[in-house]
Amino acid sequence: MKMFMVVYAEASDEDIVAAVKEAGFKAYTKMCGLKGEGEESEPKLGTHYWPGENNALIIAVGNDKIQPLCDLVRKLKAEHPRAGLRAFTFPLEEECI
């Protein structure tokens, strides 16, 4: 399994979440109000000088679902060039308590 994380500008939230759900990924965790600087967009620091914030979706998926998610992010990045979309994967092990 993998943990897939996509970070994007909060202003694009409705479109990004809707696209993820439409693609069949209904289980996710959303983190809101993230601040940071990226390589492809202006800083989102929640200040007067650098307004805006980022959100992130994290989705636990099987390895076979990573490519479809990457394809979706590429499509969304083309549709929302100023959203600063970036995607990352991490190894994931589910722990049972």
PDB file of N, CA and C in Angstrom:
ATOM      1  N   MET A   1       0.827  -1.185   0.000  1.00  0.00           N
ATOM      2  CA  MET A   1       0.000   0.000   0.000  1.00  0.00           C
ATOM      3  C   MET A   1       0.871   1.248   0.000  1.00  0.00           C
ATOM      4  N   LYS A   2       0.265   2.335  -0.420  1.00  0.00           N
ATOM      5  CA  LYS A   2       0.948   3.627  -0.453  1.00  0.00           C
ATOM      6  C   LYS A   2       0.033   4.692   0.141  1.00  0.00           C
ATOM      7  N   MET A   3       0.659   5.732   0.661  1.00  0.00           N
ATOM      8  CA  MET A   3      -0.059   6.929   1.052  1.00  0.00           C
ATOM      9  C   MET A   3       0.198   7.941  -0.044  1.00  0.00           C
ATOM     10  N   PHE A   4      -0.857   8.414  -0.669  1.00  0.00           N
ATOM     11  CA  PHE A   4      -0.773   9.400  -1.737  1.00  0.00           C
ATOM     12  C   PHE A   4      -1.194  10.731  -1.153  1.00  0.00           C
ATOM     13  N   MET A   5      -0.382  11.754  -1.340  1.00  0.00           N
ATOM     14  CA  MET A   5      -0.707  13.072  -0.827  1.00  0.00           C
ATOM     15  C   MET A   5      -0.620  14.086  -1.953  1.00  0.00           C
ATOM     16  N   VAL A   6      -1.645  14.899  -2.079  1.00  0.00           N
ATOM     17  CA  VAL A   6      -1.627  15.978  -3.058  1.00  0.00           C
ATOM     18  C   VAL A   6      -1.850  17.284  -2.300  1.00  0.00           C
ATOM     19  N   VAL A   7      -0.983  18.262  -2.566  1.00  0.00           N
ATOM     20  CA  VAL A   7      -1.045  19.582  -1.939  1.00  0.00           C
ATOM     21  C   VAL A   7      -1.439  20.570  -3.027  1.00  0.00           C
ATOM     22  N   TYR A   8      -2.315  21.513  -2.665  1.00  0.00           N
ATOM     23  CA  TYR A   8      -2.843  22.441  -3.674  1.00  0.00           C
ATOM     24  C   TYR A   8      -3.353  23.703  -2.982  1.00  0.00           C
ATOM     25  N   ALA A   9      -3.526  24.758  -3.761  1.00  0.00           N
ATOM     26  CA  ALA A   9      -4.043  26.018  -3.240  1.00  0.00           C
ATOM     27  C   ALA A   9      -5.494  25.841  -2.789  1.00  0.00           C
ATOM     28  N   GLU A  10      -5.779  26.386  -1.627  1.00  0.00           N
ATOM     29  CA  GLU A  10      -7.123  26.296  -1.047  1.00  0.00           C
ATOM     30  C   GLU A  10      -8.201  26.813  -2.005  1.00  0.00           C
ATOM     31  N   ALA A  11      -7.872  27.796  -2.811  1.00  0.00           N
ATOM     32  CA  ALA A  11      -8.840  28.368  -3.751  1.00  0.00           C
ATOM     33  C   ALA A  11      -9.360  27.336  -4.748  1.00  0.00           C
ATOM     34  N   SER A  12      -8.628  26.261  -4.981  1.00  0.00           N
ATOM     35  CA  SER A  12      -9.033  25.219  -5.928  1.00  0.00           C
ATOM     36  C   SER A  12      -9.675  24.020  -5.236  1.00  0.00           C
ATOM     37  N   ASP A  13      -9.969  24.137  -3.958  1.00  0.00           N
ATOM     38  CA  ASP A  13     -10.418  22.994  -3.160  1.00  0.00           C
ATOM     39  C   ASP A  13     -11.641  22.283  -3.740  1.00  0.00           C
ATOM     40  N   GLU A  14     -12.691  23.017  -4.059  1.00  0.00           N
ATOM     41  CA  GLU A  14     -13.920  22.364  -4.533  1.00  0.00           C
ATOM     42  C   GLU A  14     -13.668  21.542  -5.785  1.00  0.00           C
ATOM     43  N   ASP A  15     -12.926  22.090  -6.730  1.00  0.00           N
ATOM     44  CA  ASP A  15     -12.645  21.371  -7.981  1.00  0.00           C
ATOM     45  C   ASP A  15     -11.786  20.135  -7.739  1.00  0.00           C
ATOM     46  N   ILE A  16     -10.779  20.264  -6.880  1.00  0.00           N
ATOM     47  CA  ILE A  16      -9.867  19.145  -6.634  1.00  0.00           C
ATOM     48  C   ILE A  16     -10.600  18.006  -5.937  1.00  0.00           C
ATOM     49  N   VAL A  17     -11.328  18.314  -4.863  1.00  0.00           N
ATOM     50  CA  VAL A  17     -12.045  17.275  -4.124  1.00  0.00           C
ATOM     51  C   VAL A  17     -13.099  16.617  -5.006  1.00  0.00           C
ATOM     52  N   ALA A  18     -13.821  17.401  -5.777  1.00  0.00           N
ATOM     53  CA  ALA A  18     -14.842  16.834  -6.673  1.00  0.00           C
ATOM     54  C   ALA A  18     -14.214  15.886  -7.686  1.00  0.00           C
ATOM     55  N   ALA A  19     -13.079  16.257  -8.256  1.00  0.00           N
ATOM     56  CA  ALA A  19     -12.416  15.406  -9.253  1.00  0.00           C
ATOM     57  C   ALA A  19     -11.928  14.098  -8.630  1.00  0.00           C
ATOM     58  N   VAL A  20     -11.397  14.176  -7.424  1.00  0.00           N
ATOM     59  CA  VAL A  20     -10.921  12.963  -6.731  1.00  0.00           C
ATOM     60  C   VAL A  20     -12.094  12.023  -6.465  1.00  0.00           C
ATOM     61  N   LYS A  21     -13.195  12.579  -5.996  1.00  0.00           N
ATOM     62  CA  LYS A  21     -14.376  11.747  -5.739  1.00  0.00           C
ATOM     63  C   LYS A  21     -14.940  11.153  -7.023  1.00  0.00           C
ATOM     64  N   GLU A  22     -15.019  11.973  -8.081  1.00  0.00           N
ATOM     65  CA  GLU A  22     -15.533  11.481  -9.364  1.00  0.00           C
ATOM     66  C   GLU A  22     -14.667  10.357  -9.915  1.00  0.00           C
ATOM     67  N   ALA A  23     -13.369  10.384  -9.600  1.00  0.00           N
ATOM     68  CA  ALA A  23     -12.459   9.336 -10.072  1.00  0.00           C
ATOM     69  C   ALA A  23     -12.585   8.061  -9.236  1.00  0.00           C
ATOM     70  N   GLY A  24     -13.462   8.088  -8.221  1.00  0.00           N
ATOM     71  CA  GLY A  24     -13.717   6.883  -7.445  1.00  0.00           C
ATOM     72  C   GLY A  24     -12.976   6.794  -6.126  1.00  0.00           C
ATOM     73  N   PHE A  25     -12.254   7.830  -5.755  1.00  0.00           N
ATOM     74  CA  PHE A  25     -11.517   7.828  -4.492  1.00  0.00           C
ATOM     75  C   PHE A  25     -12.342   8.580  -3.462  1.00  0.00           C
ATOM     76  N   LYS A  26     -13.161   7.844  -2.732  1.00  0.00           N
ATOM     77  CA  LYS A  26     -14.111   8.469  -1.820  1.00  0.00           C
ATOM     78  C   LYS A  26     -13.579   8.573  -0.393  1.00  0.00           C
ATOM     79  N   ALA A  27     -12.581   7.789  -0.035  1.00  0.00           N
ATOM     80  CA  ALA A  27     -12.021   7.823   1.318  1.00  0.00           C
ATOM     81  C   ALA A  27     -10.721   8.616   1.301  1.00  0.00           C
ATOM     82  N   TYR A  28     -10.704   9.703   2.058  1.00  0.00           N
ATOM     83  CA  TYR A  28      -9.518  10.548   2.111  1.00  0.00           C
ATOM     84  C   TYR A  28      -9.529  11.325   3.415  1.00  0.00           C
ATOM     85  N   THR A  29      -8.423  11.921   3.741  1.00  0.00           N
ATOM     86  CA  THR A  29      -8.323  12.870   4.840  1.00  0.00           C
ATOM     87  C   THR A  29      -7.863  14.186   4.247  1.00  0.00           C
ATOM     88  N   LYS A  30      -8.526  15.270   4.650  1.00  0.00           N
ATOM     89  CA  LYS A  30      -8.158  16.587   4.136  1.00  0.00           C
ATOM     90  C   LYS A  30      -7.572  17.417   5.273  1.00  0.00           C
ATOM     91  N   MET A  31      -6.424  18.009   5.000  1.00  0.00           N
ATOM     92  CA  MET A  31      -5.798  18.943   5.931  1.00  0.00           C
ATOM     93  C   MET A  31      -5.942  20.335   5.324  1.00  0.00           C
ATOM     94  N   CYS A  32      -6.418  21.270   6.120  1.00  0.00           N
ATOM     95  CA  CYS A  32      -6.676  22.632   5.643  1.00  0.00           C
ATOM     96  C   CYS A  32      -5.772  23.637   6.354  1.00  0.00           C
ATOM     97  N   GLY A  33      -5.625  24.791   5.729  1.00  0.00           N
ATOM     98  CA  GLY A  33      -4.889  25.881   6.356  1.00  0.00           C
ATOM     99  C   GLY A  33      -3.389  25.693   6.392  1.00  0.00           C
ATOM    100  N   LEU A  34      -2.851  24.965   5.440  1.00  0.00           N
ATOM    101  CA  LEU A  34      -1.410  24.733   5.392  1.00  0.00           C
ATOM    102  C   LEU A  34      -0.710  25.928   4.764  1.00  0.00           C
ATOM    103  N   LYS A  35       0.419  26.256   5.288  1.00  0.00           N
ATOM    104  CA  LYS A  35       1.200  27.381   4.765  1.00  0.00           C
ATOM    105  C   LYS A  35       2.524  26.856   4.230  1.00  0.00           C
ATOM    106  N   GLY A  36       3.031  27.519   3.185  1.00  0.00           N
ATOM    107  CA  GLY A  36       4.309  27.092   2.654  1.00  0.00           C
ATOM    108  C   GLY A  36       4.663  27.783   1.363  1.00  0.00           C
ATOM    109  N   GLU A  37       5.834  27.449   0.888  1.00  0.00           N
ATOM    110  CA  GLU A  37       6.344  27.975  -0.376  1.00  0.00           C
ATOM    111  C   GLU A  37       6.705  26.809  -1.260  1.00  0.00           C
ATOM    112  N   GLY A  38       6.322  26.914  -2.526  1.00  0.00           N
ATOM    113  CA  GLY A  38       6.622  25.861  -3.481  1.00  0.00           C
ATOM    114  C   GLY A  38       7.506  26.373  -4.596  1.00  0.00           C
ATOM    115  N   GLU A  39       7.767  25.498  -5.540  1.00  0.00           N
ATOM    116  CA  GLU A  39       8.629  25.849  -6.660  1.00  0.00           C
ATOM    117  C   GLU A  39       7.845  26.392  -7.844  1.00  0.00           C
ATOM    118  N   GLU A  40       6.541  26.101  -7.923  1.00  0.00           N
ATOM    119  CA  GLU A  40       5.773  26.446  -9.115  1.00  0.00           C
ATOM    120  C   GLU A  40       4.672  27.469  -8.869  1.00  0.00           C
ATOM    121  N   SER A  41       4.547  27.962  -7.653  1.00  0.00           N
ATOM    122  CA  SER A  41       3.494  28.935  -7.365  1.00  0.00           C
ATOM    123  C   SER A  41       3.999  29.936  -6.340  1.00  0.00           C
ATOM    124  N   GLU A  42       3.225  30.972  -6.135  1.00  0.00           N
ATOM    125  CA  GLU A  42       3.591  31.982  -5.156  1.00  0.00           C
ATOM    126  C   GLU A  42       3.441  31.406  -3.752  1.00  0.00           C
ATOM    127  N   PRO A  43       4.188  31.931  -2.779  1.00  0.00           N
ATOM    128  CA  PRO A  43       4.027  31.454  -1.404  1.00  0.00           C
ATOM    129  C   PRO A  43       2.588  31.625  -0.922  1.00  0.00           C
ATOM    130  N   LYS A  44       2.142  30.707  -0.123  1.00  0.00           N
ATOM    131  CA  LYS A  44       0.827  30.768   0.525  1.00  0.00           C
ATOM    132  C   LYS A  44       1.103  30.754   2.024  1.00  0.00           C
ATOM    133  N   LEU A  45       1.204  31.954   2.600  1.00  0.00           N
ATOM    134  CA  LEU A  45       1.613  32.078   3.997  1.00  0.00           C
ATOM    135  C   LEU A  45       0.533  32.680   4.887  1.00  0.00           C
ATOM    136  N   GLY A  46      -0.640  32.960   4.336  1.00  0.00           N
ATOM    137  CA  GLY A  46      -1.737  33.481   5.127  1.00  0.00           C
ATOM    138  C   GLY A  46      -1.485  34.868   5.693  1.00  0.00           C
ATOM    139  N   THR A  47      -0.613  35.637   5.052  1.00  0.00           N
ATOM    140  CA  THR A  47      -0.297  36.985   5.523  1.00  0.00           C
ATOM    141  C   THR A  47      -0.846  38.013   4.539  1.00  0.00           C
ATOM    142  N   HIS A  48      -0.765  39.278   4.937  1.00  0.00           N
ATOM    143  CA  HIS A  48      -1.210  40.337   4.040  1.00  0.00           C
ATOM    144  C   HIS A  48      -0.364  40.356   2.765  1.00  0.00           C
ATOM    145  N   TYR A  49       0.936  40.166   2.918  1.00  0.00           N
ATOM    146  CA  TYR A  49       1.838  40.206   1.772  1.00  0.00           C
ATOM    147  C   TYR A  49       1.732  38.933   0.938  1.00  0.00           C
ATOM    148  N   TRP A  50       1.645  37.780   1.587  1.00  0.00           N
ATOM    149  CA  TRP A  50       1.510  36.496   0.893  1.00  0.00           C
ATOM    150  C   TRP A  50       0.216  35.824   1.348  1.00  0.00           C
ATOM    151  N   PRO A  51      -0.931  36.269   0.805  1.00  0.00           N
ATOM    152  CA  PRO A  51      -2.211  35.703   1.245  1.00  0.00           C
ATOM    153  C   PRO A  51      -2.416  34.282   0.719  1.00  0.00           C
ATOM    154  N   GLY A  52      -3.433  33.658   1.253  1.00  0.00           N
ATOM    155  CA  GLY A  52      -3.804  32.317   0.805  1.00  0.00           C
ATOM    156  C   GLY A  52      -3.148  31.240   1.636  1.00  0.00           C
ATOM    157  N   GLU A  53      -3.732  30.079   1.545  1.00  0.00           N
ATOM    158  CA  GLU A  53      -3.218  28.894   2.225  1.00  0.00           C
ATOM    159  C   GLU A  53      -3.368  27.702   1.291  1.00  0.00           C
ATOM    160  N   ASN A  54      -2.810  26.590   1.696  1.00  0.00           N
ATOM    161  CA  ASN A  54      -2.909  25.351   0.936  1.00  0.00           C
ATOM    162  C   ASN A  54      -3.759  24.344   1.691  1.00  0.00           C
ATOM    163  N   ASN A  55      -4.241  23.365   0.969  1.00  0.00           N
ATOM    164  CA  ASN A  55      -4.883  22.183   1.536  1.00  0.00           C
ATOM    165  C   ASN A  55      -4.122  20.972   1.038  1.00  0.00           C
ATOM    166  N   ALA A  56      -4.328  19.857   1.699  1.00  0.00           N
ATOM    167  CA  ALA A  56      -3.738  18.599   1.247  1.00  0.00           C
ATOM    168  C   ALA A  56      -4.755  17.483   1.435  1.00  0.00           C
ATOM    169  N   LEU A  57      -4.800  16.590   0.469  1.00  0.00           N
ATOM    170  CA  LEU A  57      -5.580  15.365   0.599  1.00  0.00           C
ATOM    171  C   LEU A  57      -4.597  14.219   0.756  1.00  0.00           C
ATOM    172  N   ILE A  58      -4.874  13.340   1.708  1.00  0.00           N
ATOM    173  CA  ILE A  58      -4.071  12.129   1.822  1.00  0.00           C
ATOM    174  C   ILE A  58      -5.012  10.936   1.648  1.00  0.00           C
ATOM    175  N   ILE A  59      -4.559  10.004   0.817  1.00  0.00           N
ATOM    176  CA  ILE A  59      -5.399   8.882   0.415  1.00  0.00           C
ATOM    177  C   ILE A  59      -4.568   7.603   0.509  1.00  0.00           C
ATOM    178  N   ALA A  60      -5.046   6.643   1.281  1.00  0.00           N
ATOM    179  CA  ALA A  60      -4.392   5.343   1.368  1.00  0.00           C
ATOM    180  C   ALA A  60      -4.924   4.463   0.240  1.00  0.00           C
ATOM    181  N   VAL A  61      -4.018   3.971  -0.609  1.00  0.00           N
ATOM    182  CA  VAL A  61      -4.437   3.182  -1.774  1.00  0.00           C
ATOM    183  C   VAL A  61      -3.458   2.040  -2.022  1.00  0.00           C
ATOM    184  N   GLY A  62      -3.924   1.061  -2.768  1.00  0.00           N
ATOM    185  CA  GLY A  62      -3.054  -0.002  -3.230  1.00  0.00           C
ATOM    186  C   GLY A  62      -2.097   0.532  -4.284  1.00  0.00           C
ATOM    187  N   ASN A  63      -0.988  -0.143  -4.471  1.00  0.00           N
ATOM    188  CA  ASN A  63       0.026   0.300  -5.430  1.00  0.00           C
ATOM    189  C   ASN A  63      -0.538   0.473  -6.842  1.00  0.00           C
ATOM    190  N   ASP A  64      -1.537  -0.330  -7.190  1.00  0.00           N
ATOM    191  CA  ASP A  64      -2.121  -0.250  -8.536  1.00  0.00           C
ATOM    192  C   ASP A  64      -2.952   1.013  -8.757  1.00  0.00           C
ATOM    193  N   LYS A  65      -3.253   1.761  -7.720  1.00  0.00           N
ATOM    194  CA  LYS A  65      -4.050   2.987  -7.844  1.00  0.00           C
ATOM    195  C   LYS A  65      -3.200   4.253  -7.936  1.00  0.00           C
ATOM    196  N   ILE A  66      -1.882   4.116  -7.768  1.00  0.00           N
ATOM    197  CA  ILE A  66      -1.008   5.290  -7.791  1.00  0.00           C
ATOM    198  C   ILE A  66      -0.982   5.930  -9.182  1.00  0.00           C
ATOM    199  N   GLN A  67      -0.851   5.139 -10.223  1.00  0.00           N
ATOM    200  CA  GLN A  67      -0.781   5.699 -11.574  1.00  0.00           C
ATOM    201  C   GLN A  67      -2.050   6.454 -11.954  1.00  0.00           C
ATOM    202  N   PRO A  68      -3.253   5.894 -11.687  1.00  0.00           N
ATOM    203  CA  PRO A  68      -4.460   6.663 -11.990  1.00  0.00           C
ATOM    204  C   PRO A  68      -4.529   7.984 -11.210  1.00  0.00           C
ATOM    205  N   LEU A  69      -4.068   7.985  -9.967  1.00  0.00           N
ATOM    206  CA  LEU A  69      -4.049   9.235  -9.198  1.00  0.00           C
ATOM    207  C   LEU A  69      -3.044  10.226  -9.785  1.00  0.00           C
ATOM    208  N   CYS A  70      -1.893   9.750 -10.203  1.00  0.00           N
ATOM    209  CA  CYS A  70      -0.906  10.638 -10.841  1.00  0.00           C
ATOM    210  C   CYS A  70      -1.455  11.222 -12.132  1.00  0.00           C
ATOM    211  N   ASP A  71      -2.145  10.402 -12.914  1.00  0.00           N
ATOM    212  CA  ASP A  71      -2.761  10.892 -14.149  1.00  0.00           C
ATOM    213  C   ASP A  71      -3.807  11.963 -13.842  1.00  0.00           C
ATOM    214  N   LEU A  72      -4.583  11.747 -12.786  1.00  0.00           N
ATOM    215  CA  LEU A  72      -5.585  12.723 -12.387  1.00  0.00           C
ATOM    216  C   LEU A  72      -4.930  14.041 -11.969  1.00  0.00           C
ATOM    217  N   VAL A  73      -3.847  13.964 -11.207  1.00  0.00           N
ATOM    218  CA  VAL A  73      -3.148  15.181 -10.775  1.00  0.00           C
ATOM    219  C   VAL A  73      -2.586  15.927 -11.984  1.00  0.00           C
ATOM    220  N   ARG A  74      -2.033  15.215 -12.957  1.00  0.00           N
ATOM    221  CA  ARG A  74      -1.529  15.876 -14.175  1.00  0.00           C
ATOM    222  C   ARG A  74      -2.650  16.623 -14.901  1.00  0.00           C
ATOM    223  N   LYS A  75      -3.811  15.981 -14.992  1.00  0.00           N
ATOM    224  CA  LYS A  75      -4.972  16.607 -15.634  1.00  0.00           C
ATOM    225  C   LYS A  75      -5.398  17.851 -14.854  1.00  0.00           C
ATOM    226  N   LEU A  76      -5.495  17.723 -13.549  1.00  0.00           N
ATOM    227  CA  LEU A  76      -5.903  18.859 -12.714  1.00  0.00           C
ATOM    228  C   LEU A  76      -4.881  19.985 -12.757  1.00  0.00           C
ATOM    229  N   LYS A  77      -3.613  19.624 -12.827  1.00  0.00           N
ATOM    230  CA  LYS A  77      -2.560  20.634 -12.899  1.00  0.00           C
ATOM    231  C   LYS A  77      -2.682  21.453 -14.185  1.00  0.00           C
ATOM    232  N   ALA A  78      -3.040  20.794 -15.275  1.00  0.00           N
ATOM    233  CA  ALA A  78      -3.239  21.504 -16.548  1.00  0.00           C
ATOM    234  C   ALA A  78      -4.469  22.410 -16.478  1.00  0.00           C
ATOM    235  N   GLU A  79      -5.504  21.956 -15.786  1.00  0.00           N
ATOM    236  CA  GLU A  79      -6.735  22.735 -15.663  1.00  0.00           C
ATOM    237  C   GLU A  79      -6.609  23.883 -14.658  1.00  0.00           C
ATOM    238  N   HIS A  80      -5.718  23.733 -13.677  1.00  0.00           N
ATOM    239  CA  HIS A  80      -5.536  24.716 -12.596  1.00  0.00           C
ATOM    240  C   HIS A  80      -4.058  25.056 -12.457  1.00  0.00           C
ATOM    241  N   PRO A  81      -3.489  25.744 -13.447  1.00  0.00           N
ATOM    242  CA  PRO A  81      -2.038  25.971 -13.436  1.00  0.00           C
ATOM    243  C   PRO A  81      -1.534  26.811 -12.253  1.00  0.00           C
ATOM    244  N   ARG A  82      -2.377  27.623 -11.654  1.00  0.00           N
ATOM    245  CA  ARG A  82      -1.939  28.462 -10.534  1.00  0.00           C
ATOM    246  C   ARG A  82      -2.184  27.822  -9.165  1.00  0.00           C
ATOM    247  N   ALA A  83      -2.710  26.591  -9.155  1.00  0.00           N
ATOM    248  CA  ALA A  83      -3.031  25.931  -7.888  1.00  0.00           C
ATOM    249  C   ALA A  83      -1.805  25.337  -7.205  1.00  0.00           C
ATOM    250  N   GLY A  84      -0.678  25.275  -7.904  1.00  0.00           N
ATOM    251  CA  GLY A  84       0.534  24.730  -7.293  1.00  0.00           C
ATOM    252  C   GLY A  84       0.407  23.271  -6.899  1.00  0.00           C
ATOM    253  N   LEU A  85      -0.340  22.505  -7.655  1.00  0.00           N
ATOM    254  CA  LEU A  85      -0.538  21.087  -7.322  1.00  0.00           C
ATOM    255  C   LEU A  85       0.776  20.332  -7.308  1.00  0.00           C
ATOM    256  N   ARG A  86       0.988  19.590  -6.249  1.00  0.00           N
ATOM    257  CA  ARG A  86       2.141  18.690  -6.144  1.00  0.00           C
ATOM    258  C   ARG A  86       1.651  17.405  -5.506  1.00  0.00           C
ATOM    259  N   ALA A  87       2.145  16.270  -5.973  1.00  0.00           N
ATOM    260  CA  ALA A  87       1.738  14.973  -5.432  1.00  0.00           C
ATOM    261  C   ALA A  87       2.959  14.202  -4.951  1.00  0.00           C
ATOM    262  N   PHE A  88       2.746  13.436  -3.886  1.00  0.00           N
ATOM    263  CA  PHE A  88       3.819  12.658  -3.262  1.00  0.00           C
ATOM    264  C   PHE A  88       3.257  11.302  -2.847  1.00  0.00           C
ATOM    265  N   THR A  89       4.113  10.299  -2.816  1.00  0.00           N
ATOM    266  CA  THR A  89       3.711   8.997  -2.285  1.00  0.00           C
ATOM    267  C   THR A  89       4.681   8.587  -1.181  1.00  0.00           C
ATOM    268  N   PHE A  90       4.149   7.835  -0.247  1.00  0.00           N
ATOM    269  CA  PHE A  90       4.928   7.316   0.870  1.00  0.00           C
ATOM    270  C   PHE A  90       4.565   5.850   1.064  1.00  0.00           C
ATOM    271  N   PRO A  91       5.507   5.028   1.495  1.00  0.00           N
ATOM    272  CA  PRO A  91       5.152   3.650   1.834  1.00  0.00           C
ATOM    273  C   PRO A  91       4.164   3.662   3.004  1.00  0.00           C
ATOM    274  N   LEU A  92       3.279   2.694   3.028  1.00  0.00           N
ATOM    275  CA  LEU A  92       2.253   2.669   4.064  1.00  0.00           C
ATOM    276  C   LEU A  92       2.084   1.252   4.598  1.00  0.00           C
ATOM    277  N   GLU A  93       2.085   1.127   5.895  1.00  0.00           N
ATOM    278  CA  GLU A  93       1.777  -0.123   6.560  1.00  0.00           C
ATOM    279  C   GLU A  93       0.641   0.134   7.532  1.00  0.00           C
ATOM    280  N   GLU A  94      -0.431  -0.615   7.394  1.00  0.00           N
ATOM    281  CA  GLU A  94      -1.552  -0.448   8.307  1.00  0.00           C
ATOM    282  C   GLU A  94      -1.279  -1.225   9.579  1.00  0.00           C
ATOM    283  N   GLU A  95      -1.448  -0.558  10.686  1.00  0.00           N
ATOM    284  CA  GLU A  95      -1.237  -1.168  11.997  1.00  0.00           C
ATOM    285  C   GLU A  95      -2.587  -1.410  12.646  1.00  0.00           C
ATOM    286  N   CYS A  96      -2.776  -2.584  13.169  1.00  0.00           N
ATOM    287  CA  CYS A  96      -4.026  -2.914  13.878  1.00  0.00           C
ATOM    288  C   CYS A  96      -3.750  -2.868  15.376  1.00  0.00           C
ATOM    289  N   ILE A  97      -4.621  -2.212  16.066  1.00  0.00           N
ATOM    290  CA  ILE A  97      -4.467  -2.099  17.523  1.00  0.00           C
ATOM    291  C   ILE A  97      -5.397  -3.064  18.220  1.00  0.00           C
TER     292      ILE A  97
END
